[in-house]
């Protein structure tokens, strides 16, 4: 399959596909005329990459975890569950931090001069 076909089937731009390839997330071969040729499995792989990005995983994290999905010696479902649990812990920590920040901002917004305490601290 050519890059345009993969792009159309996955809803991903050719530039994004080239970027994924540059990062080692997908691969292609070159035809005699220099066009990239992808296997049909690339459609599924790009779908996984896009879903993982929507779930908050960086491309680096996706790249680290891809080999685990294809190893025959380990159970991919259990590995993914563990990775997702770790990601949930990180998100919970970020949410707690953001809630604390929101509380501080809400208190400052109630003051006559919200920056008054910040000035006094300097």
PDB file of N, CA and C in Angstrom:
ATOM      1  N   UNK A   1       0.840  -1.177   0.000  1.00  0.00           N
ATOM      2  CA  UNK A   1       0.000   0.000   0.000  1.00  0.00           C
ATOM      3  C   UNK A   1       0.885   1.239   0.000  1.00  0.00           C
ATOM      4  N   UNK A   2       0.458   2.238  -0.727  1.00  0.00           N
ATOM      5  CA  UNK A   2       1.195   3.505  -0.766  1.00  0.00           C
ATOM      6  C   UNK A   2       0.764   4.399   0.388  1.00  0.00           C
ATOM      7  N   UNK A   3       1.545   5.422   0.624  1.00  0.00           N
ATOM      8  CA  UNK A   3       1.312   6.301   1.767  1.00  0.00           C
ATOM      9  C   UNK A   3      -0.069   6.963   1.713  1.00  0.00           C
ATOM     10  N   UNK A   4      -0.524   7.334   0.515  1.00  0.00           N
ATOM     11  CA  UNK A   4      -1.839   7.946   0.376  1.00  0.00           C
ATOM     12  C   UNK A   4      -2.954   6.996   0.766  1.00  0.00           C
ATOM     13  N   UNK A   5      -2.779   5.732   0.449  1.00  0.00           N
ATOM     14  CA  UNK A   5      -3.787   4.735   0.814  1.00  0.00           C
ATOM     15  C   UNK A   5      -3.845   4.557   2.328  1.00  0.00           C
ATOM     16  N   UNK A   6      -2.688   4.454   2.942  1.00  0.00           N
ATOM     17  CA  UNK A   6      -2.640   4.316   4.406  1.00  0.00           C
ATOM     18  C   UNK A   6      -3.234   5.561   5.060  1.00  0.00           C
ATOM     19  N   UNK A   7      -2.883   6.725   4.537  1.00  0.00           N
ATOM     20  CA  UNK A   7      -3.412   7.976   5.084  1.00  0.00           C
ATOM     21  C   UNK A   7      -4.931   7.995   5.003  1.00  0.00           C
ATOM     22  N   UNK A   8      -5.471   7.611   3.862  1.00  0.00           N
ATOM     23  CA  UNK A   8      -6.922   7.608   3.693  1.00  0.00           C
ATOM     24  C   UNK A   8      -7.622   6.615   4.603  1.00  0.00           C
ATOM     25  N   UNK A   9      -7.051   5.443   4.755  1.00  0.00           N
ATOM     26  CA  UNK A   9      -7.667   4.406   5.588  1.00  0.00           C
ATOM     27  C   UNK A   9      -7.591   4.708   7.078  1.00  0.00           C
ATOM     28  N   UNK A  10      -6.587   5.462   7.484  1.00  0.00           N
ATOM     29  CA  UNK A  10      -6.386   5.724   8.922  1.00  0.00           C
ATOM     30  C   UNK A  10      -6.789   7.132   9.349  1.00  0.00           C
ATOM     31  N   UNK A  11      -7.056   8.000   8.389  1.00  0.00           N
ATOM     32  CA  UNK A  11      -7.362   9.387   8.740  1.00  0.00           C
ATOM     33  C   UNK A  11      -6.151  10.132   9.264  1.00  0.00           C
ATOM     34  N   UNK A  12      -4.981   9.714   8.817  1.00  0.00           N
ATOM     35  CA  UNK A  12      -3.708  10.298   9.249  1.00  0.00           C
ATOM     36  C   UNK A  12      -3.051  10.951   8.042  1.00  0.00           C
ATOM     37  N   UNK A  13      -2.428  12.079   8.253  1.00  0.00           N
ATOM     38  CA  UNK A  13      -1.775  12.754   7.129  1.00  0.00           C
ATOM     39  C   UNK A  13      -0.514  12.006   6.701  1.00  0.00           C
ATOM     40  N   UNK A  14      -0.152  12.138   5.432  1.00  0.00           N
ATOM     41  CA  UNK A  14       1.114  11.542   4.994  1.00  0.00           C
ATOM     42  C   UNK A  14       2.312  12.058   5.797  1.00  0.00           C
ATOM     43  N   UNK A  15       2.277  13.334   6.172  1.00  0.00           N
ATOM     44  CA  UNK A  15       3.367  13.882   6.990  1.00  0.00           C
ATOM     45  C   UNK A  15       3.466  13.167   8.333  1.00  0.00           C
ATOM     46  N   UNK A  16       2.319  12.897   8.953  1.00  0.00           N
ATOM     47  CA  UNK A  16       2.324  12.184  10.236  1.00  0.00           C
ATOM     48  C   UNK A  16       2.863  10.769  10.049  1.00  0.00           C
ATOM     49  N   UNK A  17       2.490  10.121   8.958  1.00  0.00           N
ATOM     50  CA  UNK A  17       2.991   8.772   8.690  1.00  0.00           C
ATOM     51  C   UNK A  17       4.511   8.781   8.503  1.00  0.00           C
ATOM     52  N   UNK A  18       5.004   9.775   7.795  1.00  0.00           N
ATOM     53  CA  UNK A  18       6.462   9.891   7.628  1.00  0.00           C
ATOM     54  C   UNK A  18       7.136  10.110   8.979  1.00  0.00           C
ATOM     55  N   UNK A  19       6.502  10.925   9.813  1.00  0.00           N
ATOM     56  CA  UNK A  19       7.040  11.192  11.147  1.00  0.00           C
ATOM     57  C   UNK A  19       7.046   9.912  11.982  1.00  0.00           C
ATOM     58  N   UNK A  20       5.948   9.148  11.954  1.00  0.00           N
ATOM     59  CA  UNK A  20       5.905   7.873  12.676  1.00  0.00           C
ATOM     60  C   UNK A  20       7.026   6.958  12.195  1.00  0.00           C
ATOM     61  N   UNK A  21       7.256   6.969  10.897  1.00  0.00           N
ATOM     62  CA  UNK A  21       8.313   6.128  10.344  1.00  0.00           C
ATOM     63  C   UNK A  21       9.687   6.607  10.811  1.00  0.00           C
ATOM     64  N   UNK A  22       9.875   7.918  10.806  1.00  0.00           N
ATOM     65  CA  UNK A  22      11.147   8.495  11.270  1.00  0.00           C
ATOM     66  C   UNK A  22      11.428   8.114  12.721  1.00  0.00           C
ATOM     67  N   UNK A  23      10.364   8.029  13.518  1.00  0.00           N
ATOM     68  CA  UNK A  23      10.493   7.680  14.937  1.00  0.00           C
ATOM     69  C   UNK A  23      10.570   6.167  15.162  1.00  0.00           C
ATOM     70  N   UNK A  24      10.470   5.384  14.099  1.00  0.00           N
ATOM     71  CA  UNK A  24      10.587   3.937  14.209  1.00  0.00           C
ATOM     72  C   UNK A  24       9.316   3.228  14.636  1.00  0.00           C
ATOM     73  N   UNK A  25       8.186   3.931  14.579  1.00  0.00           N
ATOM     74  CA  UNK A  25       6.921   3.330  14.997  1.00  0.00           C
ATOM     75  C   UNK A  25       6.306   2.463  13.910  1.00  0.00           C
ATOM     76  N   UNK A  26       6.516   2.832  12.664  1.00  0.00           N
ATOM     77  CA  UNK A  26       6.049   2.037  11.534  1.00  0.00           C
ATOM     78  C   UNK A  26       7.202   1.905  10.550  1.00  0.00           C
ATOM     79  N   UNK A  27       7.073   0.975   9.637  1.00  0.00           N
ATOM     80  CA  UNK A  27       8.130   0.772   8.652  1.00  0.00           C
ATOM     81  C   UNK A  27       7.547   0.642   7.259  1.00  0.00           C
ATOM     82  N   UNK A  28       8.392   0.829   6.286  1.00  0.00           N
ATOM     83  CA  UNK A  28       7.984   0.667   4.895  1.00  0.00           C
ATOM     84  C   UNK A  28       9.184   0.174   4.103  1.00  0.00           C
ATOM     85  N   UNK A  29       8.895  -0.249   2.917  1.00  0.00           N
ATOM     86  CA  UNK A  29       9.941  -0.560   1.955  1.00  0.00           C
ATOM     87  C   UNK A  29       9.809   0.447   0.826  1.00  0.00           C
ATOM     88  N   UNK A  30      10.795   0.506  -0.018  1.00  0.00           N
ATOM     89  CA  UNK A  30      10.744   1.434  -1.148  1.00  0.00           C
ATOM     90  C   UNK A  30      10.577   0.645  -2.441  1.00  0.00           C
ATOM     91  N   UNK A  31       9.686   1.132  -3.282  1.00  0.00           N
ATOM     92  CA  UNK A  31       9.513   0.515  -4.595  1.00  0.00           C
ATOM     93  C   UNK A  31      10.617   1.024  -5.518  1.00  0.00           C
ATOM     94  N   UNK A  32      10.671   0.503  -6.720  1.00  0.00           N
ATOM     95  CA  UNK A  32      11.702   0.900  -7.689  1.00  0.00           C
ATOM     96  C   UNK A  32      11.660   2.395  -7.981  1.00  0.00           C
ATOM     97  N   UNK A  33      10.468   2.979  -7.950  1.00  0.00           N
ATOM     98  CA  UNK A  33      10.354   4.416  -8.228  1.00  0.00           C
ATOM     99  C   UNK A  33      10.519   5.275  -6.964  1.00  0.00           C
ATOM    100  N   UNK A  34      10.847   4.648  -5.831  1.00  0.00           N
ATOM    101  CA  UNK A  34      11.120   5.395  -4.612  1.00  0.00           C
ATOM    102  C   UNK A  34       9.919   5.600  -3.714  1.00  0.00           C
ATOM    103  N   UNK A  35       8.727   5.164  -4.125  1.00  0.00           N
ATOM    104  CA  UNK A  35       7.544   5.323  -3.288  1.00  0.00           C
ATOM    105  C   UNK A  35       7.621   4.402  -2.078  1.00  0.00           C
ATOM    106  N   UNK A  36       7.088   4.896  -0.965  1.00  0.00           N
ATOM    107  CA  UNK A  36       7.004   4.052   0.224  1.00  0.00           C
ATOM    108  C   UNK A  36       5.902   3.021   0.016  1.00  0.00           C
ATOM    109  N   UNK A  37       6.167   1.803   0.454  1.00  0.00           N
ATOM    110  CA  UNK A  37       5.171   0.732   0.391  1.00  0.00           C
ATOM    111  C   UNK A  37       4.990   0.163   1.796  1.00  0.00           C
ATOM    112  N   UNK A  38       3.746   0.135   2.230  1.00  0.00           N
ATOM    113  CA  UNK A  38       3.418  -0.350   3.567  1.00  0.00           C
ATOM    114  C   UNK A  38       2.642  -1.654   3.483  1.00  0.00           C
ATOM    115  N   UNK A  39       2.759  -2.465   4.512  1.00  0.00           N
ATOM    116  CA  UNK A  39       1.981  -3.699   4.579  1.00  0.00           C
ATOM    117  C   UNK A  39       0.578  -3.361   5.070  1.00  0.00           C
ATOM    118  N   UNK A  40      -0.390  -4.229   4.793  1.00  0.00           N
ATOM    119  CA  UNK A  40      -1.752  -3.976   5.305  1.00  0.00           C
ATOM    120  C   UNK A  40      -1.814  -3.876   6.830  1.00  0.00           C
ATOM    121  N   UNK A  41      -0.897  -4.524   7.533  1.00  0.00           N
ATOM    122  CA  UNK A  41      -0.874  -4.466   9.005  1.00  0.00           C
ATOM    123  C   UNK A  41      -0.593  -3.055   9.515  1.00  0.00           C
ATOM    124  N   UNK A  42      -0.016  -2.230   8.659  1.00  0.00           N
ATOM    125  CA  UNK A  42       0.294  -0.856   9.066  1.00  0.00           C
ATOM    126  C   UNK A  42      -0.975  -0.092   9.434  1.00  0.00           C
ATOM    127  N   UNK A  43      -2.083  -0.408   8.786  1.00  0.00           N
ATOM    128  CA  UNK A  43      -3.355   0.251   9.102  1.00  0.00           C
ATOM    129  C   UNK A  43      -3.706   0.001  10.567  1.00  0.00           C
ATOM    130  N   UNK A  44      -3.596  -1.235  11.013  1.00  0.00           N
ATOM    131  CA  UNK A  44      -3.887  -1.579  12.404  1.00  0.00           C
ATOM    132  C   UNK A  44      -2.894  -0.904  13.350  1.00  0.00           C
ATOM    133  N   UNK A  45      -1.640  -0.889  12.970  1.00  0.00           N
ATOM    134  CA  UNK A  45      -0.606  -0.294  13.802  1.00  0.00           C
ATOM    135  C   UNK A  45      -0.817   1.211  13.960  1.00  0.00           C
ATOM    136  N   UNK A  46      -1.152   1.891  12.872  1.00  0.00           N
ATOM    137  CA  UNK A  46      -1.420   3.336  12.954  1.00  0.00           C
ATOM    138  C   UNK A  46      -2.656   3.585  13.816  1.00  0.00           C
ATOM    139  N   UNK A  47      -3.649   2.713  13.726  1.00  0.00           N
ATOM    140  CA  UNK A  47      -4.828   2.832  14.589  1.00  0.00           C
ATOM    141  C   UNK A  47      -4.451   2.718  16.060  1.00  0.00           C
ATOM    142  N   UNK A  48      -3.556   1.789  16.369  1.00  0.00           N
ATOM    143  CA  UNK A  48      -3.077   1.643  17.750  1.00  0.00           C
ATOM    144  C   UNK A  48      -2.346   2.905  18.191  1.00  0.00           C
ATOM    145  N   UNK A  49      -1.482   3.429  17.336  1.00  0.00           N
ATOM    146  CA  UNK A  49      -0.709   4.629  17.678  1.00  0.00           C
ATOM    147  C   UNK A  49      -1.648   5.795  17.970  1.00  0.00           C
ATOM    148  N   UNK A  50      -2.640   5.992  17.118  1.00  0.00           N
ATOM    149  CA  UNK A  50      -3.578   7.103  17.311  1.00  0.00           C
ATOM    150  C   UNK A  50      -4.399   6.927  18.581  1.00  0.00           C
ATOM    151  N   UNK A  51      -4.854   5.697  18.853  1.00  0.00           N
ATOM    152  CA  UNK A  51      -5.625   5.447  20.063  1.00  0.00           C
ATOM    153  C   UNK A  51      -4.764   5.700  21.296  1.00  0.00           C
ATOM    154  N   UNK A  52      -3.518   5.231  21.274  1.00  0.00           N
ATOM    155  CA  UNK A  52      -2.626   5.430  22.412  1.00  0.00           C
ATOM    156  C   UNK A  52      -2.369   6.914  22.651  1.00  0.00           C
ATOM    157  N   UNK A  53      -2.227   7.686  21.577  1.00  0.00           N
ATOM    158  CA  UNK A  53      -2.048   9.134  21.728  1.00  0.00           C
ATOM    159  C   UNK A  53      -3.287   9.765  22.357  1.00  0.00           C
ATOM    160  N   UNK A  54      -4.468   9.327  21.947  1.00  0.00           N
ATOM    161  CA  UNK A  54      -5.698   9.866  22.526  1.00  0.00           C
ATOM    162  C   UNK A  54      -5.816   9.525  24.006  1.00  0.00           C
ATOM    163  N   UNK A  55      -5.205   8.412  24.411  1.00  0.00           N
ATOM    164  CA  UNK A  55      -5.229   8.023  25.821  1.00  0.00           C
ATOM    165  C   UNK A  55      -4.148   8.725  26.642  1.00  0.00           C
ATOM    166  N   UNK A  56      -3.374   9.589  25.984  1.00  0.00           N
ATOM    167  CA  UNK A  56      -2.389  10.384  26.705  1.00  0.00           C
ATOM    168  C   UNK A  56      -0.972   9.866  26.671  1.00  0.00           C
ATOM    169  N   UNK A  57      -0.699   8.872  25.846  1.00  0.00           N
ATOM    170  CA  UNK A  57       0.655   8.345  25.744  1.00  0.00           C
ATOM    171  C   UNK A  57       1.450   9.147  24.726  1.00  0.00           C
ATOM    172  N   UNK A  58       2.695   9.419  25.048  1.00  0.00           N
ATOM    173  CA  UNK A  58       3.580  10.119  24.113  1.00  0.00           C
ATOM    174  C   UNK A  58       4.064   9.135  23.057  1.00  0.00           C
ATOM    175  N   UNK A  59       4.587   9.655  21.961  1.00  0.00           N
ATOM    176  CA  UNK A  59       5.129   8.777  20.928  1.00  0.00           C
ATOM    177  C   UNK A  59       6.302   7.957  21.469  1.00  0.00           C
ATOM    178  N   UNK A  60       7.071   8.533  22.365  1.00  0.00           N
ATOM    179  CA  UNK A  60       8.182   7.785  22.965  1.00  0.00           C
ATOM    180  C   UNK A  60       7.647   6.600  23.772  1.00  0.00           C
ATOM    181  N   UNK A  61       6.600   6.834  24.562  1.00  0.00           N
ATOM    182  CA  UNK A  61       5.999   5.746  25.337  1.00  0.00           C
ATOM    183  C   UNK A  61       5.410   4.682  24.409  1.00  0.00           C
ATOM    184  N   UNK A  62       4.777   5.122  23.349  1.00  0.00           N
ATOM    185  CA  UNK A  62       4.199   4.184  22.393  1.00  0.00           C
ATOM    186  C   UNK A  62       5.305   3.329  21.782  1.00  0.00           C
ATOM    187  N   UNK A  63       6.392   3.969  21.401  1.00  0.00           N
ATOM    188  CA  UNK A  63       7.516   3.245  20.822  1.00  0.00           C
ATOM    189  C   UNK A  63       8.120   2.235  21.781  1.00  0.00           C
ATOM    190  N   UNK A  64       8.173   2.591  23.061  1.00  0.00           N
ATOM    191  CA  UNK A  64       8.708   1.672  24.074  1.00  0.00           C
ATOM    192  C   UNK A  64       7.808   0.447  24.240  1.00  0.00           C
ATOM    193  N   UNK A  65       6.508   0.651  24.113  1.00  0.00           N
ATOM    194  CA  UNK A  65       5.556  -0.418  24.388  1.00  0.00           C
ATOM    195  C   UNK A  65       5.212  -1.280  23.179  1.00  0.00           C
ATOM    196  N   UNK A  66       5.480  -0.792  21.984  1.00  0.00           N
ATOM    197  CA  UNK A  66       5.153  -1.570  20.789  1.00  0.00           C
ATOM    198  C   UNK A  66       5.778  -2.960  20.781  1.00  0.00           C
ATOM    199  N   UNK A  67       7.061  -3.098  21.087  1.00  0.00           N
ATOM    200  CA  UNK A  67       7.641  -4.443  21.053  1.00  0.00           C
ATOM    201  C   UNK A  67       6.946  -5.432  21.993  1.00  0.00           C
ATOM    202  N   UNK A  68       6.443  -4.946  23.110  1.00  0.00           N
ATOM    203  CA  UNK A  68       5.757  -5.824  24.054  1.00  0.00           C
ATOM    204  C   UNK A  68       4.497  -6.425  23.451  1.00  0.00           C
ATOM    205  N   UNK A  69       3.852  -5.681  22.569  1.00  0.00           N
ATOM    206  CA  UNK A  69       2.619  -6.171  21.966  1.00  0.00           C
ATOM    207  C   UNK A  69       2.861  -7.333  21.019  1.00  0.00           C
ATOM    208  N   UNK A  70       4.060  -7.395  20.461  1.00  0.00           N
ATOM    209  CA  UNK A  70       4.323  -8.401  19.431  1.00  0.00           C
ATOM    210  C   UNK A  70       5.139  -9.589  19.925  1.00  0.00           C
ATOM    211  N   UNK A  71       5.536  -9.578  21.207  1.00  0.00           N
ATOM    212  CA  UNK A  71       6.321 -10.711  21.700  1.00  0.00           C
ATOM    213  C   UNK A  71       5.399 -11.881  21.999  1.00  0.00           C
ATOM    214  N   UNK A  72       5.824 -13.062  21.628  1.00  0.00           N
ATOM    215  CA  UNK A  72       5.013 -14.257  21.843  1.00  0.00           C
ATOM    216  C   UNK A  72       5.179 -14.809  23.251  1.00  0.00           C
ATOM    217  N   UNK A  73       6.192 -14.345  23.984  1.00  0.00           N
ATOM    218  CA  UNK A  73       6.478 -14.933  25.286  1.00  0.00           C
ATOM    219  C   UNK A  73       5.672 -14.304  26.420  1.00  0.00           C
ATOM    220  N   UNK A  74       5.108 -13.145  26.208  1.00  0.00           N
ATOM    221  CA  UNK A  74       4.380 -12.476  27.280  1.00  0.00           C
ATOM    222  C   UNK A  74       2.944 -12.209  26.841  1.00  0.00           C
ATOM    223  N   UNK A  75       2.076 -12.085  27.812  1.00  0.00           N
ATOM    224  CA  UNK A  75       0.666 -11.823  27.557  1.00  0.00           C
ATOM    225  C   UNK A  75       0.447 -10.323  27.362  1.00  0.00           C
ATOM    226  N   UNK A  76       0.138  -9.893  26.126  1.00  0.00           N
ATOM    227  CA  UNK A  76      -0.021  -8.459  25.863  1.00  0.00           C
ATOM    228  C   UNK A  76      -1.132  -7.803  26.686  1.00  0.00           C
ATOM    229  N   UNK A  77      -2.206  -8.513  26.955  1.00  0.00           N
ATOM    230  CA  UNK A  77      -3.316  -7.926  27.707  1.00  0.00           C
ATOM    231  C   UNK A  77      -2.864  -7.548  29.117  1.00  0.00           C
ATOM    232  N   UNK A  78      -2.145  -8.425  29.772  1.00  0.00           N
ATOM    233  CA  UNK A  78      -1.655  -8.145  31.123  1.00  0.00           C
ATOM    234  C   UNK A  78      -0.660  -6.992  31.114  1.00  0.00           C
ATOM    235  N   UNK A  79       0.201  -6.966  30.104  1.00  0.00           N
ATOM    236  CA  UNK A  79       1.173  -5.869  29.996  1.00  0.00           C
ATOM    237  C   UNK A  79       0.468  -4.538  29.784  1.00  0.00           C
ATOM    238  N   UNK A  80      -0.503  -4.515  28.896  1.00  0.00           N
ATOM    239  CA  UNK A  80      -1.239  -3.276  28.651  1.00  0.00           C
ATOM    240  C   UNK A  80      -1.989  -2.835  29.897  1.00  0.00           C
ATOM    241  N   UNK A  81      -2.577  -3.768  30.618  1.00  0.00           N
ATOM    242  CA  UNK A  81      -3.294  -3.418  31.850  1.00  0.00           C
ATOM    243  C   UNK A  81      -2.347  -2.765  32.849  1.00  0.00           C
ATOM    244  N   UNK A  82      -1.137  -3.290  32.967  1.00  0.00           N
ATOM    245  CA  UNK A  82      -0.149  -2.708  33.875  1.00  0.00           C
ATOM    246  C   UNK A  82       0.275  -1.312  33.412  1.00  0.00           C
ATOM    247  N   UNK A  83       0.512  -1.157  32.126  1.00  0.00           N
ATOM    248  CA  UNK A  83       0.897   0.148  31.567  1.00  0.00           C
ATOM    249  C   UNK A  83      -0.217   1.161  31.783  1.00  0.00           C
ATOM    250  N   UNK A  84      -1.466   0.744  31.557  1.00  0.00           N
ATOM    251  CA  UNK A  84      -2.603   1.645  31.752  1.00  0.00           C
ATOM    252  C   UNK A  84      -2.745   2.026  33.225  1.00  0.00           C
ATOM    253  N   UNK A  85      -2.532   1.082  34.129  1.00  0.00           N
ATOM    254  CA  UNK A  85      -2.619   1.377  35.560  1.00  0.00           C
ATOM    255  C   UNK A  85      -1.569   2.410  35.962  1.00  0.00           C
ATOM    256  N   UNK A  86      -0.362   2.267  35.427  1.00  0.00           N
ATOM    257  CA  UNK A  86       0.695   3.246  35.703  1.00  0.00           C
ATOM    258  C   UNK A  86       0.307   4.614  35.168  1.00  0.00           C
ATOM    259  N   UNK A  87      -0.262   4.657  33.976  1.00  0.00           N
ATOM    260  CA  UNK A  87      -0.680   5.929  33.373  1.00  0.00           C
ATOM    261  C   UNK A  87      -1.791   6.563  34.210  1.00  0.00           C
ATOM    262  N   UNK A  88      -2.696   5.737  34.731  1.00  0.00           N
ATOM    263  CA  UNK A  88      -3.760   6.258  35.591  1.00  0.00           C
ATOM    264  C   UNK A  88      -3.200   6.900  36.853  1.00  0.00           C
ATOM    265  N   UNK A  89      -2.179   6.292  37.446  1.00  0.00           N
ATOM    266  CA  UNK A  89      -1.550   6.875  38.638  1.00  0.00           C
ATOM    267  C   UNK A  89      -0.960   8.248  38.323  1.00  0.00           C
ATOM    268  N   UNK A  90      -0.297   8.354  37.192  1.00  0.00           N
ATOM    269  CA  UNK A  90       0.290   9.634  36.784  1.00  0.00           C
ATOM    270  C   UNK A  90      -0.804  10.669  36.578  1.00  0.00           C
ATOM    271  N   UNK A  91      -1.875  10.281  35.909  1.00  0.00           N
ATOM    272  CA  UNK A  91      -2.987  11.210  35.678  1.00  0.00           C
ATOM    273  C   UNK A  91      -3.634  11.637  36.991  1.00  0.00           C
ATOM    274  N   UNK A  92      -3.813  10.696  37.912  1.00  0.00           N
ATOM    275  CA  UNK A  92      -4.391  11.032  39.213  1.00  0.00           C
ATOM    276  C   UNK A  92      -3.520  12.050  39.954  1.00  0.00           C
ATOM    277  N   UNK A  93      -2.198  11.889  39.875  1.00  0.00           N
ATOM    278  CA  UNK A  93      -1.285  12.839  40.511  1.00  0.00           C
ATOM    279  C   UNK A  93      -1.421  14.222  39.867  1.00  0.00           C
ATOM    280  N   UNK A  94      -1.485  14.254  38.548  1.00  0.00           N
ATOM    281  CA  UNK A  94      -1.631  15.538  37.848  1.00  0.00           C
ATOM    282  C   UNK A  94      -2.958  16.205  38.186  1.00  0.00           C
ATOM    283  N   UNK A  95      -4.019  15.410  38.263  1.00  0.00           N
ATOM    284  CA  UNK A  95      -5.332  15.958  38.607  1.00  0.00           C
ATOM    285  C   UNK A  95      -5.292  16.557  40.007  1.00  0.00           C
ATOM    286  N   UNK A  96      -4.668  15.869  40.945  1.00  0.00           N
ATOM    287  CA  UNK A  96      -4.560  16.384  42.318  1.00  0.00           C
ATOM    288  C   UNK A  96      -3.785  17.700  42.340  1.00  0.00           C
ATOM    289  N   UNK A  97      -2.686  17.757  41.574  1.00  0.00           N
ATOM    290  CA  UNK A  97      -1.908  18.992  41.502  1.00  0.00           C
ATOM    291  C   UNK A  97      -2.734  20.127  40.903  1.00  0.00           C
ATOM    292  N   UNK A  98      -3.477  19.831  39.868  1.00  0.00           N
ATOM    293  CA  UNK A  98      -4.293  20.858  39.229  1.00  0.00           C
ATOM    294  C   UNK A  98      -5.423  21.320  40.148  1.00  0.00           C
ATOM    295  N   UNK A  99      -5.987  20.404  40.936  1.00  0.00           N
ATOM    296  CA  UNK A  99      -7.030  20.787  41.882  1.00  0.00           C
ATOM    297  C   UNK A  99      -6.474  21.705  42.964  1.00  0.00           C
ATOM    298  N   UNK A 100      -5.244  21.434  43.412  1.00  0.00           N
ATOM    299  CA  UNK A 100      -4.603  22.313  44.390  1.00  0.00           C
ATOM    300  C   UNK A 100      -4.384  23.695  43.788  1.00  0.00           C
ATOM    301  N   UNK A 101      -3.885  23.741  42.575  1.00  0.00           N
ATOM    302  CA  UNK A 101      -3.661  25.009  41.890  1.00  0.00           C
ATOM    303  C   UNK A 101      -4.971  25.759  41.720  1.00  0.00           C
ATOM    304  N   UNK A 102      -6.018  25.050  41.378  1.00  0.00           N
ATOM    305  CA  UNK A 102      -7.323  25.681  41.198  1.00  0.00           C
ATOM    306  C   UNK A 102      -7.810  26.306  42.509  1.00  0.00           C
ATOM    307  N   UNK A 103      -7.603  25.608  43.609  1.00  0.00           N
ATOM    308  CA  UNK A 103      -8.012  26.135  44.916  1.00  0.00           C
ATOM    309  C   UNK A 103      -7.266  27.419  45.251  1.00  0.00           C
ATOM    310  N   UNK A 104      -5.960  27.425  44.998  1.00  0.00           N
ATOM    311  CA  UNK A 104      -5.155  28.626  45.262  1.00  0.00           C
ATOM    312  C   UNK A 104      -5.638  29.783  44.389  1.00  0.00           C
ATOM    313  N   UNK A 105      -5.875  29.514  43.121  1.00  0.00           N
ATOM    314  CA  UNK A 105      -6.339  30.570  42.215  1.00  0.00           C
ATOM    315  C   UNK A 105      -7.720  31.080  42.618  1.00  0.00           C
ATOM    316  N   UNK A 106      -8.590  30.179  43.035  1.00  0.00           N
ATOM    317  CA  UNK A 106      -9.930  30.586  43.461  1.00  0.00           C
ATOM    318  C   UNK A 106      -9.856  31.496  44.687  1.00  0.00           C
ATOM    319  N   UNK A 107      -8.978  31.182  45.630  1.00  0.00           N
ATOM    320  CA  UNK A 107      -8.807  32.031  46.814  1.00  0.00           C
ATOM    321  C   UNK A 107      -8.259  33.401  46.423  1.00  0.00           C
ATOM    322  N   UNK A 108      -7.271  33.408  45.550  1.00  0.00           N
ATOM    323  CA  UNK A 108      -6.688  34.685  45.109  1.00  0.00           C
ATOM    324  C   UNK A 108      -7.710  35.530  44.366  1.00  0.00           C
ATOM    325  N   UNK A 109      -8.566  34.892  43.593  1.00  0.00           N
ATOM    326  CA  UNK A 109      -9.570  35.629  42.822  1.00  0.00           C
ATOM    327  C   UNK A 109     -10.572  36.331  43.734  1.00  0.00           C
ATOM    328  N   UNK A 110     -10.765  35.828  44.945  1.00  0.00           N
ATOM    329  CA  UNK A 110     -11.709  36.432  45.897  1.00  0.00           C
ATOM    330  C   UNK A 110     -11.127  37.672  46.568  1.00  0.00           C
ATOM    331  N   UNK A 111      -9.820  37.845  46.514  1.00  0.00           N
ATOM    332  CA  UNK A 111      -9.175  38.965  47.186  1.00  0.00           C
ATOM    333  C   UNK A 111      -9.364  40.244  46.382  1.00  0.00           C
ATOM    334  N   UNK A 112      -9.286  41.375  47.092  1.00  0.00           N
ATOM    335  CA  UNK A 112      -9.407  42.678  46.442  1.00  0.00           C
ATOM    336  C   UNK A 112      -8.296  42.845  45.409  1.00  0.00           C
ATOM    337  N   UNK A 113      -7.094  42.503  45.793  1.00  0.00           N
ATOM    338  CA  UNK A 113      -5.953  42.559  44.880  1.00  0.00           C
ATOM    339  C   UNK A 113      -5.312  41.168  44.865  1.00  0.00           C
ATOM    340  N   UNK A 114      -5.637  40.352  43.871  1.00  0.00           N
ATOM    341  CA  UNK A 114      -5.165  38.963  43.856  1.00  0.00           C
ATOM    342  C   UNK A 114      -3.638  38.800  43.917  1.00  0.00           C
ATOM    343  N   UNK A 115      -2.891  39.802  43.509  1.00  0.00           N
ATOM    344  CA  UNK A 115      -1.428  39.685  43.517  1.00  0.00           C
ATOM    345  C   UNK A 115      -0.788  40.266  44.777  1.00  0.00           C
ATOM    346  N   UNK A 116      -1.604  40.788  45.690  1.00  0.00           N
ATOM    347  CA  UNK A 116      -1.061  41.438  46.877  1.00  0.00           C
ATOM    348  C   UNK A 116      -0.181  40.521  47.698  1.00  0.00           C
ATOM    349  N   UNK A 117      -0.556  39.319  47.925  1.00  0.00           N
ATOM    350  CA  UNK A 117       0.250  38.398  48.715  1.00  0.00           C
ATOM    351  C   UNK A 117       1.532  38.028  47.988  1.00  0.00           C
ATOM    352  N   UNK A 118       1.457  37.939  46.680  1.00  0.00           N
ATOM    353  CA  UNK A 118       2.654  37.608  45.903  1.00  0.00           C
ATOM    354  C   UNK A 118       3.676  38.733  46.003  1.00  0.00           C
ATOM    355  N   UNK A 119       3.214  39.989  46.001  1.00  0.00           N
ATOM    356  CA  UNK A 119       4.128  41.132  46.116  1.00  0.00           C
ATOM    357  C   UNK A 119       4.777  41.157  47.500  1.00  0.00           C
ATOM    358  N   UNK A 120       3.979  40.882  48.520  1.00  0.00           N
ATOM    359  CA  UNK A 120       4.485  40.940  49.893  1.00  0.00           C
ATOM    360  C   UNK A 120       5.552  39.873  50.123  1.00  0.00           C
ATOM    361  N   UNK A 121       5.470  38.762  49.422  1.00  0.00           N
ATOM    362  CA  UNK A 121       6.423  37.680  49.587  1.00  0.00           C
ATOM    363  C   UNK A 121       7.786  38.040  49.018  1.00  0.00           C
ATOM    364  N   UNK A 122       7.860  38.949  48.084  1.00  0.00           N
ATOM    365  CA  UNK A 122       9.140  39.318  47.452  1.00  0.00           C
ATOM    366  C   UNK A 122       9.826  40.391  48.189  1.00  0.00           C
TER     367      UNK A 122
END
